[in-house]
Amino acid sequence: MVYPNKGLKVRDEKEYKGFFSVLFTSAPGTRQRLHYVVGVNSINTSEECVLIVDESDEVMFKSLRAFWEKINHA
């Protein structure tokens, strides 16, 4: 989960805490695979992954080149 700022990240973690508790209980391996980060430059994996971007326009247009470099693995 990619967020444009820490405030939105913290808000969503609190707001959806119950949902993620159920998810992590029913699918325990999910906890190790789901990561919250602020900004695309915080993504530090070379593995294939799915990015869920909150407020994607703000994240993309803050640095379109950085966003493109993180998602372009062709």
N, C-alpha and C. Protein backbone atom coordinates (compact mmCIF):
# COMPACT_ATOMS: atom_id res chain seq x y z
N MET A 1 0.86 -1.16 0.00
CA MET A 1 0.00 0.00 0.00
C MET A 1 0.91 1.22 0.00
N VAL A 2 0.80 2.03 -1.02
CA VAL A 2 1.63 3.22 -1.15
C VAL A 2 0.78 4.45 -0.85
N TYR A 3 1.26 5.27 0.05
CA TYR A 3 0.55 6.49 0.44
C TYR A 3 1.39 7.71 0.11
N PRO A 4 0.73 8.85 -0.16
CA PRO A 4 1.47 10.06 -0.47
C PRO A 4 2.05 10.73 0.77
N ASN A 5 1.47 10.45 1.95
CA ASN A 5 2.01 11.04 3.18
C ASN A 5 1.68 10.15 4.38
N LYS A 6 2.39 10.40 5.46
CA LYS A 6 2.26 9.55 6.65
C LYS A 6 0.87 9.67 7.28
N GLY A 7 0.26 10.85 7.23
CA GLY A 7 -1.06 11.05 7.81
C GLY A 7 -2.11 10.11 7.23
N LEU A 8 -2.14 9.98 5.91
CA LEU A 8 -3.10 9.07 5.27
C LEU A 8 -2.79 7.62 5.60
N LYS A 9 -1.52 7.29 5.67
CA LYS A 9 -1.11 5.93 6.02
C LYS A 9 -1.62 5.58 7.42
N VAL A 10 -1.38 6.44 8.38
CA VAL A 10 -1.80 6.19 9.76
C VAL A 10 -3.32 6.13 9.86
N ARG A 11 -4.01 7.03 9.15
CA ARG A 11 -5.47 7.03 9.17
C ARG A 11 -6.04 5.71 8.67
N ASP A 12 -5.54 5.23 7.53
CA ASP A 12 -6.05 3.98 6.97
C ASP A 12 -5.71 2.78 7.84
N GLU A 13 -4.53 2.76 8.42
CA GLU A 13 -4.17 1.66 9.31
C GLU A 13 -5.16 1.57 10.48
N LYS A 14 -5.55 2.71 11.03
CA LYS A 14 -6.51 2.74 12.14
C LYS A 14 -7.91 2.40 11.66
N GLU A 15 -8.33 3.02 10.56
CA GLU A 15 -9.69 2.84 10.05
C GLU A 15 -9.98 1.41 9.64
N TYR A 16 -8.99 0.73 9.07
CA TYR A 16 -9.20 -0.62 8.56
C TYR A 16 -8.57 -1.69 9.44
N LYS A 17 -8.25 -1.35 10.67
CA LYS A 17 -7.62 -2.30 11.59
C LYS A 17 -8.44 -3.58 11.73
N GLY A 18 -9.75 -3.45 11.90
CA GLY A 18 -10.61 -4.62 12.05
C GLY A 18 -10.59 -5.52 10.83
N PHE A 19 -10.64 -4.92 9.65
CA PHE A 19 -10.60 -5.69 8.41
C PHE A 19 -9.30 -6.48 8.31
N PHE A 20 -8.18 -5.82 8.59
CA PHE A 20 -6.90 -6.50 8.47
C PHE A 20 -6.73 -7.56 9.55
N SER A 21 -7.32 -7.38 10.72
CA SER A 21 -7.27 -8.42 11.76
C SER A 21 -7.94 -9.69 11.26
N VAL A 22 -9.10 -9.54 10.62
CA VAL A 22 -9.80 -10.70 10.06
C VAL A 22 -8.98 -11.32 8.93
N LEU A 23 -8.45 -10.49 8.06
CA LEU A 23 -7.65 -10.98 6.94
C LEU A 23 -6.43 -11.74 7.43
N PHE A 24 -5.71 -11.18 8.39
CA PHE A 24 -4.49 -11.81 8.87
C PHE A 24 -4.79 -13.10 9.63
N THR A 25 -5.97 -13.19 10.24
CA THR A 25 -6.36 -14.41 10.95
C THR A 25 -6.74 -15.51 9.95
N SER A 26 -7.47 -15.13 8.91
CA SER A 26 -7.92 -16.13 7.94
C SER A 26 -6.84 -16.50 6.92
N ALA A 27 -5.91 -15.62 6.69
CA ALA A 27 -4.81 -15.88 5.74
C ALA A 27 -3.50 -15.38 6.37
N PRO A 28 -2.93 -16.14 7.30
CA PRO A 28 -1.78 -15.69 8.08
C PRO A 28 -0.58 -15.21 7.26
N GLY A 29 -0.33 -15.78 6.11
CA GLY A 29 0.82 -15.37 5.30
C GLY A 29 0.71 -13.97 4.74
N THR A 30 -0.50 -13.41 4.78
CA THR A 30 -0.72 -12.08 4.22
C THR A 30 0.06 -11.00 4.98
N ARG A 31 0.18 -11.15 6.29
CA ARG A 31 0.86 -10.14 7.10
C ARG A 31 2.29 -9.90 6.62
N GLN A 32 2.98 -10.96 6.23
CA GLN A 32 4.36 -10.80 5.77
C GLN A 32 4.45 -10.21 4.36
N ARG A 33 3.35 -10.28 3.61
CA ARG A 33 3.37 -9.83 2.23
C ARG A 33 2.83 -8.42 2.04
N LEU A 34 2.08 -7.90 3.01
CA LEU A 34 1.48 -6.58 2.89
C LEU A 34 2.32 -5.55 3.62
N HIS A 35 2.70 -4.51 2.91
CA HIS A 35 3.54 -3.47 3.51
C HIS A 35 2.94 -2.11 3.22
N TYR A 36 3.01 -1.24 4.20
CA TYR A 36 2.58 0.14 4.04
C TYR A 36 3.83 0.99 3.86
N VAL A 37 3.85 1.83 2.82
CA VAL A 37 4.97 2.73 2.61
C VAL A 37 4.46 4.11 2.23
N VAL A 38 5.29 5.11 2.46
CA VAL A 38 4.96 6.47 2.07
C VAL A 38 5.86 6.83 0.89
N GLY A 39 5.26 7.03 -0.28
CA GLY A 39 6.00 7.38 -1.49
C GLY A 39 6.60 6.18 -2.19
N VAL A 40 6.69 6.28 -3.50
CA VAL A 40 7.22 5.15 -4.28
C VAL A 40 8.70 4.92 -4.03
N ASN A 41 9.41 5.93 -3.59
CA ASN A 41 10.84 5.74 -3.32
C ASN A 41 11.08 4.87 -2.10
N SER A 42 10.03 4.61 -1.31
CA SER A 42 10.14 3.74 -0.13
C SER A 42 10.02 2.27 -0.49
N ILE A 43 9.71 1.96 -1.73
CA ILE A 43 9.57 0.57 -2.16
C ILE A 43 10.98 0.03 -2.41
N ASN A 44 11.33 -1.02 -1.69
CA ASN A 44 12.71 -1.52 -1.81
C ASN A 44 12.73 -3.02 -2.10
N THR A 45 12.07 -3.40 -3.16
CA THR A 45 12.08 -4.80 -3.57
C THR A 45 12.31 -4.89 -5.07
N SER A 46 12.99 -5.94 -5.46
CA SER A 46 13.16 -6.19 -6.90
C SER A 46 12.21 -7.29 -7.35
N GLU A 47 11.44 -7.84 -6.41
CA GLU A 47 10.48 -8.89 -6.74
C GLU A 47 9.25 -8.28 -7.39
N GLU A 48 8.54 -9.10 -8.17
CA GLU A 48 7.27 -8.65 -8.73
C GLU A 48 6.30 -8.45 -7.59
N CYS A 49 5.52 -7.37 -7.67
CA CYS A 49 4.57 -7.10 -6.60
C CYS A 49 3.40 -6.30 -7.16
N VAL A 50 2.36 -6.22 -6.37
CA VAL A 50 1.19 -5.42 -6.70
C VAL A 50 1.26 -4.16 -5.85
N LEU A 51 1.15 -3.01 -6.50
CA LEU A 51 1.13 -1.74 -5.78
C LEU A 51 -0.30 -1.24 -5.72
N ILE A 52 -0.78 -0.98 -4.53
CA ILE A 52 -2.07 -0.33 -4.35
C ILE A 52 -1.73 1.08 -3.90
N VAL A 53 -2.08 2.05 -4.72
CA VAL A 53 -1.65 3.43 -4.48
C VAL A 53 -2.84 4.27 -4.06
N ASP A 54 -2.81 4.75 -2.82
CA ASP A 54 -3.84 5.65 -2.31
C ASP A 54 -3.52 7.05 -2.80
N GLU A 55 -4.55 7.76 -3.27
CA GLU A 55 -4.34 9.11 -3.82
C GLU A 55 -3.29 9.04 -4.94
N SER A 56 -3.53 8.14 -5.88
CA SER A 56 -2.53 7.85 -6.91
C SER A 56 -2.10 9.06 -7.71
N ASP A 57 -3.03 9.99 -7.97
CA ASP A 57 -2.63 11.16 -8.75
C ASP A 57 -1.57 11.97 -8.01
N GLU A 58 -1.70 12.10 -6.69
CA GLU A 58 -0.70 12.86 -5.93
C GLU A 58 0.65 12.14 -5.93
N VAL A 59 0.62 10.81 -5.76
CA VAL A 59 1.85 10.04 -5.75
C VAL A 59 2.52 10.08 -7.12
N MET A 60 1.74 9.87 -8.18
CA MET A 60 2.31 9.84 -9.52
C MET A 60 2.88 11.19 -9.93
N PHE A 61 2.11 12.23 -9.73
CA PHE A 61 2.53 13.53 -10.25
C PHE A 61 3.53 14.25 -9.37
N LYS A 62 3.73 13.75 -8.15
CA LYS A 62 4.79 14.32 -7.32
C LYS A 62 6.14 14.06 -8.02
N SER A 63 6.27 12.86 -8.55
CA SER A 63 7.46 12.52 -9.33
C SER A 63 7.08 11.42 -10.31
N LEU A 64 6.60 11.83 -11.47
CA LEU A 64 6.16 10.88 -12.47
C LEU A 64 7.30 9.96 -12.90
N ARG A 65 8.50 10.49 -13.01
CA ARG A 65 9.65 9.66 -13.41
C ARG A 65 9.92 8.58 -12.36
N ALA A 66 9.91 8.93 -11.07
CA ALA A 66 10.14 7.93 -10.01
C ALA A 66 9.04 6.88 -10.03
N PHE A 67 7.79 7.32 -10.23
CA PHE A 67 6.68 6.37 -10.29
C PHE A 67 6.88 5.40 -11.46
N TRP A 68 7.21 5.93 -12.62
CA TRP A 68 7.41 5.10 -13.81
C TRP A 68 8.55 4.11 -13.59
N GLU A 69 9.64 4.55 -13.01
CA GLU A 69 10.78 3.67 -12.79
C GLU A 69 10.43 2.53 -11.84
N LYS A 70 9.57 2.80 -10.86
CA LYS A 70 9.18 1.74 -9.92
C LYS A 70 8.23 0.73 -10.53
N ILE A 71 7.39 1.15 -11.47
CA ILE A 71 6.40 0.21 -12.03
C ILE A 71 6.84 -0.40 -13.35
N ASN A 72 7.83 0.13 -14.01
CA ASN A 72 8.24 -0.34 -15.33
C ASN A 72 9.35 -1.39 -15.18
N HIS A 73 8.97 -2.64 -15.37
CA HIS A 73 9.96 -3.73 -15.30
C HIS A 73 10.03 -4.48 -16.61
N ALA A 74 9.69 -3.81 -17.70
CA ALA A 74 9.67 -4.48 -19.01
C ALA A 74 11.06 -4.60 -19.59
